[in-house]
Amino acid sequence: MCKYSIDSSESPKWILEEGYDLEERLLLFSASIITLTDGMLKSRAGNHVAAQLLRSGTSPFPNHGEAQAAESLKDFIRKLKVCLKELRETWRWLRLLDKVPLAEDVVAVKELIRESDELIRIFSASIRTAEKRKG
């Protein structure tokens, strides 16, 4: 299992760890998005992409908290779908950054693309499982 950590140089580093904590993984993903966007090129395009990425990339963490406090299975599924939607948007912004050099840390961008893809898969599977229970 991969877990994101920020080392002293603030470059992303993926490490293997026992156990699984989606909330912690989303927290660290959000932190890495903040670190990445703070270091982006200060230009019209850089500011635009950074703002969009900051919004979508930090959204899944608090929305996952909302899903944990859902009032019904239907509400739970709806909130998981919000997380999934934001993760898909984030994945697309990161892919754009991979093509246009607006971020200094290209390694971070590639690692975040991989992590966002994994999170998308996790949320997609969770939604499918919850929808099966819903009947």
C-alpha atoms as a PDB file:
ATOM      1  CA  MET A   1       0.000   0.000   0.000  1.00  0.00           C
ATOM      2  CA  CYS A   2       1.315   3.420  -0.911  1.00  0.00           C
ATOM      3  CA  LYS A   3       1.161   6.332   1.448  1.00  0.00           C
ATOM      4  CA  TYR A   4       2.259   9.851   0.713  1.00  0.00           C
ATOM      5  CA  SER A   5       4.723  11.672   2.921  1.00  0.00           C
ATOM      6  CA  ILE A   6       6.501  14.981   2.583  1.00  0.00           C
ATOM      7  CA  ASP A   7      10.211  14.873   3.366  1.00  0.00           C
ATOM      8  CA  SER A   8      12.325  17.807   4.465  1.00  0.00           C
ATOM      9  CA  SER A   9      12.839  18.963   0.866  1.00  0.00           C
ATOM     10  CA  GLU A  10       9.036  18.980   0.432  1.00  0.00           C
ATOM     11  CA  SER A  11       9.299  16.650  -2.561  1.00  0.00           C
ATOM     12  CA  PRO A  12       6.656  13.938  -2.569  1.00  0.00           C
ATOM     13  CA  LYS A  13       7.806  10.521  -1.534  1.00  0.00           C
ATOM     14  CA  TRP A  14       5.692   7.390  -1.689  1.00  0.00           C
ATOM     15  CA  ILE A  15       6.416   4.784   0.941  1.00  0.00           C
ATOM     16  CA  LEU A  16       5.005   1.347   1.662  1.00  0.00           C
ATOM     17  CA  GLU A  17       3.264   0.968   4.982  1.00  0.00           C
ATOM     18  CA  GLU A  18       1.232  -1.611   6.805  1.00  0.00           C
ATOM     19  CA  GLY A  19      -2.412  -0.831   7.468  1.00  0.00           C
ATOM     20  CA  TYR A  20      -4.719   1.470   5.613  1.00  0.00           C
ATOM     21  CA  ASP A  21      -6.149   4.829   6.525  1.00  0.00           C
ATOM     22  CA  LEU A  22      -7.993   6.557   3.695  1.00  0.00           C
ATOM     23  CA  GLU A  23      -8.509   9.725   5.729  1.00  0.00           C
ATOM     24  CA  GLU A  24      -4.768  10.059   6.350  1.00  0.00           C
ATOM     25  CA  ARG A  25      -4.054   9.322   2.694  1.00  0.00           C
ATOM     26  CA  LEU A  26      -6.473  12.058   1.594  1.00  0.00           C
ATOM     27  CA  LEU A  27      -4.974  14.477   4.133  1.00  0.00           C
ATOM     28  CA  LEU A  28      -1.473  13.886   2.817  1.00  0.00           C
ATOM     29  CA  PHE A  29      -2.714  14.113  -0.781  1.00  0.00           C
ATOM     30  CA  SER A  30      -4.271  17.516   0.009  1.00  0.00           C
ATOM     31  CA  ALA A  31      -1.060  18.661   1.703  1.00  0.00           C
ATOM     32  CA  SER A  32       0.957  17.654  -1.347  1.00  0.00           C
ATOM     33  CA  ILE A  33      -1.396  19.574  -3.628  1.00  0.00           C
ATOM     34  CA  ILE A  34      -0.934  22.673  -1.470  1.00  0.00           C
ATOM     35  CA  THR A  35       2.852  22.281  -1.581  1.00  0.00           C
ATOM     36  CA  LEU A  36       2.806  21.789  -5.352  1.00  0.00           C
ATOM     37  CA  THR A  37       0.536  24.764  -6.088  1.00  0.00           C
ATOM     38  CA  ASP A  38       2.534  27.072  -3.793  1.00  0.00           C
ATOM     39  CA  GLY A  39       5.608  26.373  -5.921  1.00  0.00           C
ATOM     40  CA  MET A  40       3.985  26.879  -9.306  1.00  0.00           C
ATOM     41  CA  LEU A  41       4.960  29.515 -11.841  1.00  0.00           C
ATOM     42  CA  LYS A  42       3.472  32.918 -11.064  1.00  0.00           C
ATOM     43  CA  SER A  43       1.914  33.752 -14.424  1.00  0.00           C
ATOM     44  CA  ARG A  44      -1.606  34.090 -15.764  1.00  0.00           C
ATOM     45  CA  ALA A  45      -1.706  30.381 -16.710  1.00  0.00           C
ATOM     46  CA  GLY A  46       0.168  29.269 -13.606  1.00  0.00           C
ATOM     47  CA  ASN A  47      -2.177  31.146 -11.283  1.00  0.00           C
ATOM     48  CA  HIS A  48      -5.258  29.816 -13.073  1.00  0.00           C
ATOM     49  CA  VAL A  49      -4.155  26.176 -13.006  1.00  0.00           C
ATOM     50  CA  ALA A  50      -2.871  26.476  -9.437  1.00  0.00           C
ATOM     51  CA  ALA A  51      -6.211  27.869  -8.225  1.00  0.00           C
ATOM     52  CA  GLN A  52      -8.217  25.151  -9.981  1.00  0.00           C
ATOM     53  CA  LEU A  53      -5.891  22.391  -8.794  1.00  0.00           C
ATOM     54  CA  LEU A  54      -5.876  23.743  -5.241  1.00  0.00           C
ATOM     55  CA  ARG A  55      -9.674  23.735  -5.139  1.00  0.00           C
ATOM     56  CA  SER A  56     -10.242  20.286  -6.635  1.00  0.00           C
ATOM     57  CA  GLY A  57      -7.190  18.632  -5.065  1.00  0.00           C
ATOM     58  CA  THR A  58      -7.987  19.625  -1.496  1.00  0.00           C
ATOM     59  CA  SER A  59     -11.737  19.001  -1.757  1.00  0.00           C
ATOM     60  CA  PRO A  60     -11.780  15.176  -1.393  1.00  0.00           C
ATOM     61  CA  PHE A  61     -10.370  15.303   2.149  1.00  0.00           C
ATOM     62  CA  PRO A  62     -13.201  17.342   3.754  1.00  0.00           C
ATOM     63  CA  ASN A  63     -15.825  15.731   1.515  1.00  0.00           C
ATOM     64  CA  HIS A  64     -14.720  12.305   2.707  1.00  0.00           C
ATOM     65  CA  GLY A  65     -15.363  13.551   6.242  1.00  0.00           C
ATOM     66  CA  GLU A  66     -18.859  14.547   5.151  1.00  0.00           C
ATOM     67  CA  ALA A  67     -19.395  11.053   3.735  1.00  0.00           C
ATOM     68  CA  GLN A  68     -18.371   9.532   7.067  1.00  0.00           C
ATOM     69  CA  ALA A  69     -21.123  11.589   8.711  1.00  0.00           C
ATOM     70  CA  ALA A  70     -23.758  10.746   6.086  1.00  0.00           C
ATOM     71  CA  GLU A  71     -27.320  10.436   7.316  1.00  0.00           C
ATOM     72  CA  SER A  72     -28.249   7.579   4.997  1.00  0.00           C
ATOM     73  CA  LEU A  73     -26.725   5.189   2.488  1.00  0.00           C
ATOM     74  CA  LYS A  74     -28.050   7.384  -0.332  1.00  0.00           C
ATOM     75  CA  ASP A  75     -26.385  10.441   1.250  1.00  0.00           C
ATOM     76  CA  PHE A  76     -23.163   8.447   1.727  1.00  0.00           C
ATOM     77  CA  ILE A  77     -23.073   7.470  -1.947  1.00  0.00           C
ATOM     78  CA  ARG A  78     -23.796  11.038  -3.057  1.00  0.00           C
ATOM     79  CA  LYS A  79     -20.920  12.379  -0.960  1.00  0.00           C
ATOM     80  CA  LEU A  80     -18.531   9.697  -2.207  1.00  0.00           C
ATOM     81  CA  LYS A  81     -19.470  10.712  -5.751  1.00  0.00           C
ATOM     82  CA  VAL A  82     -18.502  14.312  -4.949  1.00  0.00           C
ATOM     83  CA  CYS A  83     -15.076  13.057  -3.827  1.00  0.00           C
ATOM     84  CA  LEU A  84     -14.741  11.016  -7.011  1.00  0.00           C
ATOM     85  CA  LYS A  85     -15.729  13.965  -9.203  1.00  0.00           C
ATOM     86  CA  GLU A  86     -13.119  16.204  -7.557  1.00  0.00           C
ATOM     87  CA  LEU A  87     -10.431  13.528  -7.834  1.00  0.00           C
ATOM     88  CA  ARG A  88     -11.141  13.105 -11.545  1.00  0.00           C
ATOM     89  CA  GLU A  89     -10.848  16.857 -12.050  1.00  0.00           C
ATOM     90  CA  THR A  90      -7.597  16.906 -10.083  1.00  0.00           C
ATOM     91  CA  TRP A  91      -6.213  14.047 -12.204  1.00  0.00           C
ATOM     92  CA  ARG A  92      -6.922  16.078 -15.334  1.00  0.00           C
ATOM     93  CA  TRP A  93      -5.266  19.245 -14.009  1.00  0.00           C
ATOM     94  CA  LEU A  94      -2.224  17.197 -13.006  1.00  0.00           C
ATOM     95  CA  ARG A  95      -2.044  15.663 -16.488  1.00  0.00           C
ATOM     96  CA  LEU A  96      -2.078  19.189 -17.916  1.00  0.00           C
ATOM     97  CA  LEU A  97       0.807  20.139 -15.595  1.00  0.00           C
ATOM     98  CA  ASP A  98       2.676  17.096 -16.868  1.00  0.00           C
ATOM     99  CA  LYS A  99       2.454  18.552 -20.399  1.00  0.00           C
ATOM    100  CA  VAL A 100       2.936  22.253 -19.628  1.00  0.00           C
ATOM    101  CA  PRO A 101       5.883  23.210 -17.382  1.00  0.00           C
ATOM    102  CA  LEU A 102       4.080  25.372 -14.821  1.00  0.00           C
ATOM    103  CA  ALA A 103       5.325  23.411 -11.796  1.00  0.00           C
ATOM    104  CA  GLU A 104       8.974  23.106 -10.808  1.00  0.00           C
ATOM    105  CA  ASP A 105       8.662  19.637  -9.262  1.00  0.00           C
ATOM    106  CA  VAL A 106       7.898  17.372 -12.221  1.00  0.00           C
ATOM    107  CA  VAL A 107       8.487  14.278 -10.072  1.00  0.00           C
ATOM    108  CA  ALA A 108       5.764  15.431  -7.689  1.00  0.00           C
ATOM    109  CA  VAL A 109       3.361  15.913 -10.586  1.00  0.00           C
ATOM    110  CA  LYS A 110       3.964  12.380 -11.877  1.00  0.00           C
ATOM    111  CA  GLU A 111       3.596  10.859  -8.409  1.00  0.00           C
ATOM    112  CA  LEU A 112       0.409  12.819  -7.768  1.00  0.00           C
ATOM    113  CA  ILE A 113      -1.018  11.637 -11.079  1.00  0.00           C
ATOM    114  CA  ARG A 114      -0.415   8.062  -9.906  1.00  0.00           C
ATOM    115  CA  GLU A 115      -1.900   8.711  -6.471  1.00  0.00           C
ATOM    116  CA  SER A 116      -4.967  10.476  -7.853  1.00  0.00           C
ATOM    117  CA  ASP A 117      -5.500   7.509 -10.186  1.00  0.00           C
ATOM    118  CA  GLU A 118      -5.311   5.105  -7.232  1.00  0.00           C
ATOM    119  CA  LEU A 119      -7.734   7.237  -5.206  1.00  0.00           C
ATOM    120  CA  ILE A 120     -10.140   7.347  -8.159  1.00  0.00           C
ATOM    121  CA  ARG A 121     -10.063   3.547  -8.279  1.00  0.00           C
ATOM    122  CA  ILE A 122     -10.675   3.302  -4.520  1.00  0.00           C
ATOM    123  CA  PHE A 123     -13.648   5.672  -4.600  1.00  0.00           C
ATOM    124  CA  SER A 124     -15.096   4.036  -7.719  1.00  0.00           C
ATOM    125  CA  ALA A 125     -14.963   0.625  -6.031  1.00  0.00           C
ATOM    126  CA  SER A 126     -16.452   2.015  -2.815  1.00  0.00           C
ATOM    127  CA  ILE A 127     -19.342   3.563  -4.720  1.00  0.00           C
ATOM    128  CA  ARG A 128     -20.011   0.299  -6.586  1.00  0.00           C
ATOM    129  CA  THR A 129     -20.001  -1.626  -3.292  1.00  0.00           C
ATOM    130  CA  ALA A 130     -22.312   0.876  -1.598  1.00  0.00           C
ATOM    131  CA  GLU A 131     -24.704   0.876  -4.571  1.00  0.00           C
ATOM    132  CA  LYS A 132     -24.918  -2.934  -4.421  1.00  0.00           C
ATOM    133  CA  ARG A 133     -25.918  -2.672  -0.749  1.00  0.00           C
ATOM    134  CA  LYS A 134     -28.495  -0.063  -1.635  1.00  0.00           C
ATOM    135  CA  GLY A 135     -30.133  -2.570  -3.956  1.00  0.00           C
END
